[in-house]
Amino acid sequence: MVLDATNLETRELLLQLRELLASQCNLEVRIEVILGTNVDAKRVKAFVSMSGCSVEISDAEGRRTLLITGNVCCA
């Protein structure tokens, strides 16, 4: 799944990711999130890391891409 978040505010993106991850409870996920800034990438990485997933940030063509992988932990 690819989510282009270059035009989303960080709060809106975090809400969408929270809902998406909650719907994938105890399942393996692979989500690419395209962001515009490094600050947004770091905020989203910190947020997603709390779900138990791995997050890698890559930088290409002036955009940041987060690759979220792993098994979503649900409490």
N, C-alpha and C. Protein backbone atom coordinates (compact mmCIF):
# COMPACT_ATOMS: atom_id res chain seq x y z
N MET A 1 0.85 -1.17 0.00
CA MET A 1 0.00 0.00 0.00
C MET A 1 0.89 1.23 0.00
N VAL A 2 0.52 2.23 -0.79
CA VAL A 2 1.24 3.50 -0.85
C VAL A 2 0.29 4.61 -0.45
N LEU A 3 0.74 5.45 0.46
CA LEU A 3 -0.04 6.59 0.93
C LEU A 3 0.73 7.86 0.65
N ASP A 4 0.21 8.70 -0.25
CA ASP A 4 0.85 9.97 -0.57
C ASP A 4 0.31 11.02 0.40
N ALA A 5 1.16 11.43 1.32
CA ALA A 5 0.75 12.37 2.36
C ALA A 5 1.41 13.74 2.19
N THR A 6 1.88 14.03 0.99
CA THR A 6 2.58 15.30 0.77
C THR A 6 1.66 16.50 0.96
N ASN A 7 0.36 16.32 0.80
CA ASN A 7 -0.57 17.44 0.95
C ASN A 7 -1.41 17.35 2.23
N LEU A 8 -1.06 16.42 3.12
CA LEU A 8 -1.80 16.26 4.37
C LEU A 8 -1.07 16.95 5.52
N GLU A 9 -1.83 17.50 6.44
CA GLU A 9 -1.23 18.01 7.67
C GLU A 9 -0.83 16.80 8.52
N THR A 10 0.19 16.97 9.34
CA THR A 10 0.70 15.86 10.14
C THR A 10 -0.39 15.24 11.00
N ARG A 11 -1.21 16.05 11.62
CA ARG A 11 -2.28 15.53 12.50
C ARG A 11 -3.23 14.63 11.72
N GLU A 12 -3.62 15.06 10.54
CA GLU A 12 -4.54 14.27 9.71
C GLU A 12 -3.89 12.95 9.30
N LEU A 13 -2.62 12.99 8.94
CA LEU A 13 -1.91 11.78 8.58
C LEU A 13 -1.82 10.81 9.75
N LEU A 14 -1.50 11.32 10.94
CA LEU A 14 -1.39 10.45 12.11
C LEU A 14 -2.73 9.79 12.44
N LEU A 15 -3.82 10.52 12.28
CA LEU A 15 -5.14 9.93 12.50
C LEU A 15 -5.42 8.82 11.50
N GLN A 16 -5.08 9.06 10.24
CA GLN A 16 -5.29 8.03 9.21
C GLN A 16 -4.44 6.80 9.49
N LEU A 17 -3.19 7.01 9.86
CA LEU A 17 -2.32 5.88 10.16
C LEU A 17 -2.79 5.11 11.39
N ARG A 18 -3.27 5.82 12.40
CA ARG A 18 -3.78 5.14 13.60
C ARG A 18 -4.95 4.22 13.23
N GLU A 19 -5.87 4.71 12.42
CA GLU A 19 -7.01 3.89 11.99
C GLU A 19 -6.54 2.72 11.13
N LEU A 20 -5.62 2.97 10.22
CA LEU A 20 -5.12 1.92 9.35
C LEU A 20 -4.42 0.82 10.14
N LEU A 21 -3.54 1.22 11.05
CA LEU A 21 -2.82 0.23 11.85
C LEU A 21 -3.76 -0.53 12.78
N ALA A 22 -4.75 0.14 13.34
CA ALA A 22 -5.72 -0.54 14.21
C ALA A 22 -6.50 -1.59 13.44
N SER A 23 -6.76 -1.32 12.18
CA SER A 23 -7.51 -2.28 11.35
C SER A 23 -6.65 -3.47 10.95
N GLN A 24 -5.34 -3.37 11.14
CA GLN A 24 -4.41 -4.44 10.77
C GLN A 24 -3.85 -5.15 12.00
N CYS A 25 -4.55 -5.09 13.11
CA CYS A 25 -4.10 -5.65 14.37
C CYS A 25 -3.62 -7.10 14.21
N ASN A 26 -2.39 -7.35 14.67
CA ASN A 26 -1.76 -8.67 14.63
C ASN A 26 -1.53 -9.20 13.21
N LEU A 27 -1.52 -8.32 12.22
CA LEU A 27 -1.27 -8.72 10.84
C LEU A 27 0.04 -8.10 10.36
N GLU A 28 0.63 -8.71 9.38
CA GLU A 28 1.85 -8.20 8.75
C GLU A 28 1.47 -7.06 7.81
N VAL A 29 2.19 -5.94 7.91
CA VAL A 29 1.90 -4.79 7.05
C VAL A 29 3.13 -4.37 6.26
N ARG A 30 2.87 -3.72 5.14
CA ARG A 30 3.91 -3.06 4.33
C ARG A 30 3.26 -1.83 3.73
N ILE A 31 3.61 -0.67 4.29
CA ILE A 31 2.99 0.59 3.88
C ILE A 31 4.10 1.58 3.54
N GLU A 32 4.00 2.20 2.38
CA GLU A 32 4.92 3.28 2.01
C GLU A 32 4.17 4.59 2.17
N VAL A 33 4.77 5.52 2.91
CA VAL A 33 4.17 6.84 3.12
C VAL A 33 5.11 7.87 2.52
N ILE A 34 4.60 8.66 1.58
CA ILE A 34 5.39 9.70 0.93
C ILE A 34 5.11 11.02 1.64
N LEU A 35 6.18 11.65 2.12
CA LEU A 35 6.07 12.90 2.88
C LEU A 35 6.91 13.98 2.23
N GLY A 36 6.60 15.22 2.56
CA GLY A 36 7.32 16.33 1.97
C GLY A 36 8.51 16.81 2.77
N THR A 37 8.47 16.66 4.09
CA THR A 37 9.54 17.22 4.91
C THR A 37 10.16 16.18 5.83
N ASN A 38 11.39 16.45 6.23
CA ASN A 38 12.09 15.56 7.15
C ASN A 38 11.47 15.61 8.54
N VAL A 39 10.96 16.77 8.94
CA VAL A 39 10.31 16.91 10.25
C VAL A 39 9.09 16.00 10.31
N ASP A 40 8.26 16.01 9.27
CA ASP A 40 7.09 15.12 9.23
C ASP A 40 7.52 13.66 9.27
N ALA A 41 8.57 13.33 8.55
CA ALA A 41 9.05 11.94 8.52
C ALA A 41 9.46 11.48 9.92
N LYS A 42 10.16 12.34 10.66
CA LYS A 42 10.58 11.97 12.02
C LYS A 42 9.39 11.83 12.96
N ARG A 43 8.41 12.72 12.84
CA ARG A 43 7.22 12.63 13.70
C ARG A 43 6.44 11.35 13.41
N VAL A 44 6.25 11.05 12.15
CA VAL A 44 5.49 9.86 11.78
C VAL A 44 6.27 8.60 12.20
N LYS A 45 7.57 8.61 12.02
CA LYS A 45 8.38 7.46 12.43
C LYS A 45 8.22 7.19 13.92
N ALA A 46 8.30 8.23 14.73
CA ALA A 46 8.14 8.07 16.18
C ALA A 46 6.77 7.51 16.52
N PHE A 47 5.74 8.01 15.86
CA PHE A 47 4.38 7.56 16.11
C PHE A 47 4.20 6.09 15.73
N VAL A 48 4.65 5.74 14.53
CA VAL A 48 4.46 4.37 14.04
C VAL A 48 5.31 3.37 14.83
N SER A 49 6.46 3.79 15.29
CA SER A 49 7.32 2.88 16.06
C SER A 49 6.62 2.35 17.31
N MET A 50 5.69 3.12 17.85
CA MET A 50 4.94 2.68 19.02
C MET A 50 4.01 1.51 18.71
N SER A 51 3.73 1.27 17.43
CA SER A 51 2.84 0.16 17.05
C SER A 51 3.58 -1.16 16.99
N GLY A 52 4.90 -1.11 17.11
CA GLY A 52 5.69 -2.33 17.03
C GLY A 52 6.25 -2.60 15.65
N CYS A 53 5.95 -1.74 14.69
CA CYS A 53 6.43 -1.91 13.33
C CYS A 53 7.81 -1.27 13.17
N SER A 54 8.53 -1.73 12.17
CA SER A 54 9.80 -1.11 11.80
C SER A 54 9.52 0.00 10.81
N VAL A 55 10.32 1.07 10.89
CA VAL A 55 10.14 2.21 10.00
C VAL A 55 11.50 2.62 9.46
N GLU A 56 11.61 2.70 8.15
CA GLU A 56 12.83 3.18 7.50
C GLU A 56 12.50 4.44 6.73
N ILE A 57 13.38 5.44 6.82
CA ILE A 57 13.19 6.68 6.09
C ILE A 57 14.19 6.72 4.94
N SER A 58 13.69 7.00 3.74
CA SER A 58 14.59 7.21 2.60
C SER A 58 14.29 8.56 1.99
N ASP A 59 15.28 9.11 1.33
CA ASP A 59 15.15 10.45 0.74
C ASP A 59 15.49 10.35 -0.74
N ALA A 60 14.53 10.70 -1.59
CA ALA A 60 14.75 10.67 -3.03
C ALA A 60 13.92 11.76 -3.69
N GLU A 61 14.55 12.46 -4.60
CA GLU A 61 13.85 13.49 -5.38
C GLU A 61 13.19 14.55 -4.51
N GLY A 62 13.82 14.90 -3.38
CA GLY A 62 13.29 15.94 -2.52
C GLY A 62 12.11 15.54 -1.67
N ARG A 63 11.77 14.26 -1.68
CA ARG A 63 10.67 13.77 -0.84
C ARG A 63 11.18 12.68 0.06
N ARG A 64 10.54 12.55 1.20
CA ARG A 64 10.89 11.49 2.13
C ARG A 64 9.86 10.38 2.00
N THR A 65 10.35 9.16 2.03
CA THR A 65 9.46 8.01 1.99
C THR A 65 9.72 7.17 3.23
N LEU A 66 8.64 6.85 3.93
CA LEU A 66 8.73 5.95 5.07
C LEU A 66 8.24 4.59 4.63
N LEU A 67 9.00 3.57 4.94
CA LEU A 67 8.57 2.21 4.69
C LEU A 67 8.25 1.59 6.04
N ILE A 68 6.97 1.31 6.24
CA ILE A 68 6.49 0.73 7.49
C ILE A 68 6.27 -0.76 7.26
N THR A 69 6.95 -1.60 8.02
CA THR A 69 6.82 -3.05 7.86
C THR A 69 6.73 -3.70 9.23
N GLY A 70 6.18 -4.87 9.24
CA GLY A 70 6.15 -5.66 10.47
C GLY A 70 4.76 -6.09 10.86
N ASN A 71 4.71 -6.66 12.04
CA ASN A 71 3.47 -7.16 12.61
C ASN A 71 2.94 -6.12 13.57
N VAL A 72 1.74 -5.62 13.33
CA VAL A 72 1.16 -4.56 14.15
C VAL A 72 0.77 -5.12 15.52
N CYS A 73 1.32 -4.52 16.57
CA CYS A 73 0.96 -4.89 17.94
C CYS A 73 -0.27 -4.10 18.38
N CYS A 74 -1.21 -4.77 18.99
CA CYS A 74 -2.41 -4.10 19.48
C CYS A 74 -2.54 -4.36 20.97
N ALA A 75 -2.84 -3.30 21.70
CA ALA A 75 -2.99 -3.45 23.14
C ALA A 75 -4.46 -3.43 23.52
